[in-house]
C-alpha atoms as a PDB file:
ATOM      1  CA  MET A   1      41.993 138.136 -97.928  1.00  0.00           C
ATOM      2  CA  ALA A   2      41.632 135.302-100.369  1.00  0.00           C
ATOM      3  CA  LEU A   3      40.453 131.836 -99.385  1.00  0.00           C
ATOM      4  CA  THR A   4      42.915 129.182 -99.822  1.00  0.00           C
ATOM      5  CA  THR A   5      40.337 126.425 -99.702  1.00  0.00           C
ATOM      6  CA  ARG A   6      36.846 126.143-100.841  1.00  0.00           C
ATOM      7  CA  PRO A   7      34.121 126.741 -98.434  1.00  0.00           C
ATOM      8  CA  GLU A   8      31.946 123.847 -97.231  1.00  0.00           C
ATOM      9  CA  PHE A   9      28.262 123.929 -97.228  1.00  0.00           C
ATOM     10  CA  VAL A  10      26.527 121.328 -95.016  1.00  0.00           C
ATOM     11  CA  ASP A  11      23.125 120.720 -93.317  1.00  0.00           C
ATOM     12  CA  LEU A  12      23.034 121.201 -89.672  1.00  0.00           C
ATOM     13  CA  PRO A  13      21.894 118.358 -87.419  1.00  0.00           C
ATOM     14  CA  GLU A  14      18.411 118.954 -85.881  1.00  0.00           C
ATOM     15  CA  GLY A  15      19.995 119.471 -82.373  1.00  0.00           C
ATOM     16  CA  GLU A  16      22.402 122.271 -83.555  1.00  0.00           C
ATOM     17  CA  ALA A  17      19.465 123.847 -85.378  1.00  0.00           C
ATOM     18  CA  ILE A  18      17.457 123.989 -82.333  1.00  0.00           C
ATOM     19  CA  ALA A  19      20.390 125.268 -80.108  1.00  0.00           C
ATOM     20  CA  LEU A  20      20.861 128.122 -82.759  1.00  0.00           C
ATOM     21  CA  LEU A  21      17.092 128.910 -82.397  1.00  0.00           C
ATOM     22  CA  LYS A  22      17.308 128.973 -78.628  1.00  0.00           C
ATOM     23  CA  ARG A  23      20.347 131.145 -78.305  1.00  0.00           C
ATOM     24  CA  ASN A  24      19.111 134.006 -80.648  1.00  0.00           C
ATOM     25  CA  HIS A  25      16.004 136.258 -80.078  1.00  0.00           C
ATOM     26  CA  VAL A  26      15.699 138.147 -83.316  1.00  0.00           C
ATOM     27  CA  GLY A  27      14.814 136.629 -86.615  1.00  0.00           C
ATOM     28  CA  ARG A  28      12.600 137.388 -89.692  1.00  0.00           C
ATOM     29  CA  LEU A  29       9.099 136.207 -90.394  1.00  0.00           C
ATOM     30  CA  ALA A  30       7.954 135.859 -94.093  1.00  0.00           C
ATOM     31  CA  PHE A  31       4.463 135.759 -95.026  1.00  0.00           C
ATOM     32  CA  SER A  32       2.393 136.276 -98.094  1.00  0.00           C
ATOM     33  CA  PHE A  33      -1.017 137.669 -99.002  1.00  0.00           C
ATOM     34  CA  HIS A  34      -2.326 137.352-102.620  1.00  0.00           C
ATOM     35  CA  ASP A  35       0.593 138.242-104.911  1.00  0.00           C
ATOM     36  CA  ARG A  36       2.750 139.959-102.298  1.00  0.00           C
ATOM     37  CA  VAL A  37       5.458 138.447 -99.971  1.00  0.00           C
ATOM     38  CA  ASP A  38       6.624 140.457 -96.849  1.00  0.00           C
ATOM     39  CA  VAL A  39       9.436 139.972 -94.483  1.00  0.00           C
ATOM     40  CA  GLU A  40       9.505 141.524 -91.044  1.00  0.00           C
ATOM     41  CA  PRO A  41      12.131 141.375 -88.317  1.00  0.00           C
ATOM     42  CA  ILE A  42      10.507 140.104 -85.034  1.00  0.00           C
ATOM     43  CA  SER A  43      11.844 139.308 -81.627  1.00  0.00           C
ATOM     44  CA  TYR A  44      11.029 135.777 -80.464  1.00  0.00           C
ATOM     45  CA  VAL A  45      11.736 132.949 -77.960  1.00  0.00           C
ATOM     46  CA  TYR A  46      11.923 129.264 -79.228  1.00  0.00           C
ATOM     47  CA  ASP A  47      10.468 126.768 -76.839  1.00  0.00           C
ATOM     48  CA  ASP A  48       9.474 123.130 -77.345  1.00  0.00           C
ATOM     49  CA  GLY A  49       8.651 123.135 -80.950  1.00  0.00           C
ATOM     50  CA  PHE A  50       7.121 126.598 -81.065  1.00  0.00           C
ATOM     51  CA  ILE A  51       8.359 130.144 -81.807  1.00  0.00           C
ATOM     52  CA  TYR A  52       6.750 132.747 -79.633  1.00  0.00           C
ATOM     53  CA  GLY A  53       6.477 136.427 -80.277  1.00  0.00           C
ATOM     54  CA  ARG A  54       4.288 139.462 -80.212  1.00  0.00           C
ATOM     55  CA  THR A  55       3.187 142.283 -82.350  1.00  0.00           C
ATOM     56  CA  SER A  56       1.084 145.231 -82.598  1.00  0.00           C
ATOM     57  CA  PRO A  57      -2.559 144.833 -83.329  1.00  0.00           C
ATOM     58  CA  GLY A  58      -3.391 145.939 -86.837  1.00  0.00           C
ATOM     59  CA  THR A  59       0.109 145.459 -88.251  1.00  0.00           C
ATOM     60  CA  LYS A  60       0.672 143.775 -91.544  1.00  0.00           C
ATOM     61  CA  LEU A  61       0.719 140.422 -89.838  1.00  0.00           C
ATOM     62  CA  THR A  62      -2.994 140.654 -89.585  1.00  0.00           C
ATOM     63  CA  THR A  63      -2.907 139.359 -93.314  1.00  0.00           C
ATOM     64  CA  VAL A  64      -1.641 136.059 -91.690  1.00  0.00           C
ATOM     65  CA  LYS A  65      -5.139 135.592 -90.276  1.00  0.00           C
ATOM     66  CA  HIS A  66      -6.213 134.550 -93.733  1.00  0.00           C
ATOM     67  CA  HIS A  67      -2.948 132.840 -94.845  1.00  0.00           C
ATOM     68  CA  PRO A  68      -1.424 131.540 -91.721  1.00  0.00           C
ATOM     69  CA  TRP A  69       1.517 129.514 -93.400  1.00  0.00           C
ATOM     70  CA  VAL A  70       4.649 131.254 -92.696  1.00  0.00           C
ATOM     71  CA  ALA A  71       8.415 130.923 -92.797  1.00  0.00           C
ATOM     72  CA  PHE A  72      10.831 132.129 -90.136  1.00  0.00           C
ATOM     73  CA  GLN A  73      14.581 132.528 -90.332  1.00  0.00           C
ATOM     74  CA  VAL A  74      17.440 133.033 -87.954  1.00  0.00           C
ATOM     75  CA  ASP A  75      21.110 133.497 -88.886  1.00  0.00           C
ATOM     76  CA  GLU A  76      24.435 133.785 -87.225  1.00  0.00           C
ATOM     77  CA  ILE A  77      26.994 135.379 -89.622  1.00  0.00           C
ATOM     78  CA  GLU A  78      30.570 135.517 -88.855  1.00  0.00           C
ATOM     79  CA  GLY A  79      31.802 136.033 -92.466  1.00  0.00           C
ATOM     80  CA  ARG A  80      30.976 135.642 -96.027  1.00  0.00           C
ATOM     81  CA  TYR A  81      31.652 131.819 -95.898  1.00  0.00           C
ATOM     82  CA  ASP A  82      31.200 131.279 -92.224  1.00  0.00           C
ATOM     83  CA  TRP A  83      27.442 131.314 -91.203  1.00  0.00           C
ATOM     84  CA  ARG A  84      24.733 129.099 -89.872  1.00  0.00           C
ATOM     85  CA  SER A  85      21.053 129.636 -90.922  1.00  0.00           C
ATOM     86  CA  VAL A  86      17.748 127.930 -89.810  1.00  0.00           C
ATOM     87  CA  THR A  87      14.518 128.252 -91.557  1.00  0.00           C
ATOM     88  CA  VAL A  88      11.222 127.116 -89.887  1.00  0.00           C
ATOM     89  CA  ARG A  89       8.054 126.620 -91.925  1.00  0.00           C
ATOM     90  CA  GLY A  90       4.894 126.545 -90.065  1.00  0.00           C
ATOM     91  CA  THR A  91       1.434 127.835 -89.061  1.00  0.00           C
ATOM     92  CA  LEU A  92       1.133 131.181 -87.041  1.00  0.00           C
ATOM     93  CA  TYR A  93      -1.564 131.290 -84.409  1.00  0.00           C
ATOM     94  CA  PHE A  94      -2.618 134.266 -82.812  1.00  0.00           C
ATOM     95  CA  LEU A  95      -3.310 133.860 -79.084  1.00  0.00           C
ATOM     96  CA  ASP A  96      -6.393 135.152 -77.388  1.00  0.00           C
ATOM     97  CA  PRO A  97      -6.726 134.753 -73.590  1.00  0.00           C
ATOM     98  CA  ALA A  98     -10.617 135.106 -73.995  1.00  0.00           C
ATOM     99  CA  GLY A  99     -10.907 132.250 -76.389  1.00  0.00           C
ATOM    100  CA  GLY A 100     -11.638 129.485 -73.742  1.00  0.00           C
ATOM    101  CA  ASP A 101      -9.545 127.398 -71.416  1.00  0.00           C
ATOM    102  CA  ARG A 102      -7.117 125.932 -74.061  1.00  0.00           C
ATOM    103  CA  ALA A 103      -6.692 129.381 -75.589  1.00  0.00           C
ATOM    104  CA  ARG A 104      -6.029 130.910 -72.223  1.00  0.00           C
ATOM    105  CA  GLU A 105      -3.498 128.286 -71.346  1.00  0.00           C
ATOM    106  CA  ALA A 106      -1.766 128.752 -74.716  1.00  0.00           C
ATOM    107  CA  TYR A 107      -1.639 132.581 -74.126  1.00  0.00           C
ATOM    108  CA  GLU A 108      -0.270 132.136 -70.574  1.00  0.00           C
ATOM    109  CA  ARG A 109       2.312 129.739 -71.677  1.00  0.00           C
ATOM    110  CA  ALA A 110       3.399 132.217 -74.507  1.00  0.00           C
ATOM    111  CA  LEU A 111       3.595 135.127 -72.006  1.00  0.00           C
ATOM    112  CA  GLU A 112       5.609 132.957 -69.589  1.00  0.00           C
ATOM    113  CA  VAL A 113       8.096 132.031 -72.460  1.00  0.00           C
ATOM    114  CA  LEU A 114       8.377 135.555 -73.756  1.00  0.00           C
ATOM    115  CA  ARG A 115       9.048 136.819 -70.130  1.00  0.00           C
ATOM    116  CA  ARG A 116      12.120 134.570 -69.951  1.00  0.00           C
ATOM    117  CA  VAL A 117      13.831 137.046 -72.325  1.00  0.00           C
ATOM    118  CA  ASP A 118      11.890 140.273 -71.382  1.00  0.00           C
ATOM    119  CA  ALA A 119      10.579 140.261 -67.772  1.00  0.00           C
ATOM    120  CA  ASP A 120       8.666 143.461 -68.416  1.00  0.00           C
ATOM    121  CA  ALA A 121       6.650 141.933 -71.322  1.00  0.00           C
ATOM    122  CA  LEU A 122       2.998 143.169 -70.997  1.00  0.00           C
ATOM    123  CA  THR A 123       3.621 144.650 -67.502  1.00  0.00           C
ATOM    124  CA  PRO A 124       3.326 148.508 -66.658  1.00  0.00           C
ATOM    125  CA  GLY A 125       7.136 148.614 -67.110  1.00  0.00           C
ATOM    126  CA  ASP A 126       6.839 147.379 -70.802  1.00  0.00           C
ATOM    127  CA  PRO A 127       8.714 149.692 -73.151  1.00  0.00           C
ATOM    128  CA  VAL A 128       6.825 148.414 -76.143  1.00  0.00           C
ATOM    129  CA  SER A 129       3.460 147.777 -74.553  1.00  0.00           C
ATOM    130  CA  PHE A 130       1.633 148.502 -77.841  1.00  0.00           C
ATOM    131  CA  ARG A 131       2.945 145.003 -78.962  1.00  0.00           C
ATOM    132  CA  SER A 132       0.093 143.357 -77.086  1.00  0.00           C
ATOM    133  CA  GLN A 133      -0.780 140.680 -79.659  1.00  0.00           C
ATOM    134  CA  LEU A 134       0.899 137.255 -78.919  1.00  0.00           C
ATOM    135  CA  PHE A 135       1.423 134.485 -81.444  1.00  0.00           C
ATOM    136  CA  GLN A 136       3.116 131.270 -81.813  1.00  0.00           C
ATOM    137  CA  ILE A 137       4.353 129.360 -84.797  1.00  0.00           C
ATOM    138  CA  TYR A 138       4.224 125.674 -84.716  1.00  0.00           C
ATOM    139  CA  LYS A 139       7.320 124.211 -86.245  1.00  0.00           C
ATOM    140  CA  ASP A 140       6.125 121.983 -89.095  1.00  0.00           C
ATOM    141  CA  GLU A 141       9.353 121.826 -91.011  1.00  0.00           C
ATOM    142  CA  MET A 142      12.857 122.905 -90.296  1.00  0.00           C
ATOM    143  CA  THR A 143      15.905 123.268 -92.438  1.00  0.00           C
ATOM    144  CA  ALA A 144      19.354 124.394 -91.364  1.00  0.00           C
ATOM    145  CA  ARG A 145      22.550 125.015 -93.286  1.00  0.00           C
ATOM    146  CA  GLU A 146      25.994 126.032 -92.527  1.00  0.00           C
ATOM    147  CA  ALA A 147      28.948 127.455 -94.495  1.00  0.00           C
ATOM    148  CA  ARG A 148      32.385 127.224 -93.126  1.00  0.00           C
ATOM    149  CA  THR A 149      35.891 127.653 -94.363  1.00  0.00           C
ATOM    150  CA  ALA A 150      38.509 125.071 -93.390  1.00  0.00           C
ATOM    151  CA  ARG A 151      39.204 124.960 -89.739  1.00  0.00           C
ATOM    152  CA  PRO A 152      42.523 124.089 -88.140  1.00  0.00           C
END
């Protein structure tokens, strides 16, 4: 079906971008090491300026320990010219409960937030218990765009 009007491309206000991050739980994490850029899909939870997730120890994400600057993107796509996209740029921190009081508090906070979406996370009933490394990404920068066709 041909479009009768041109699509409109606009920046999303911060509140709408945060709402999009909150209502979704799968996104893509981009990171680089030396001359290689990689993108991995991850499940996540957004809360209070942080993206929380977990991964398996020893994955490609361990390269992030040397270069913790990452980009994270989430999209909602309804059609070729009807979509919303949020990109967060920030620093990824691996969380270790044995790293002292502040580290333990950050780890416990991450686990609490992740369990809002997956109550079995890191329990005996966890179907992906091998994903035991928790991390958080601090939202340093955020951009959000939307494309839309004319709406009645």
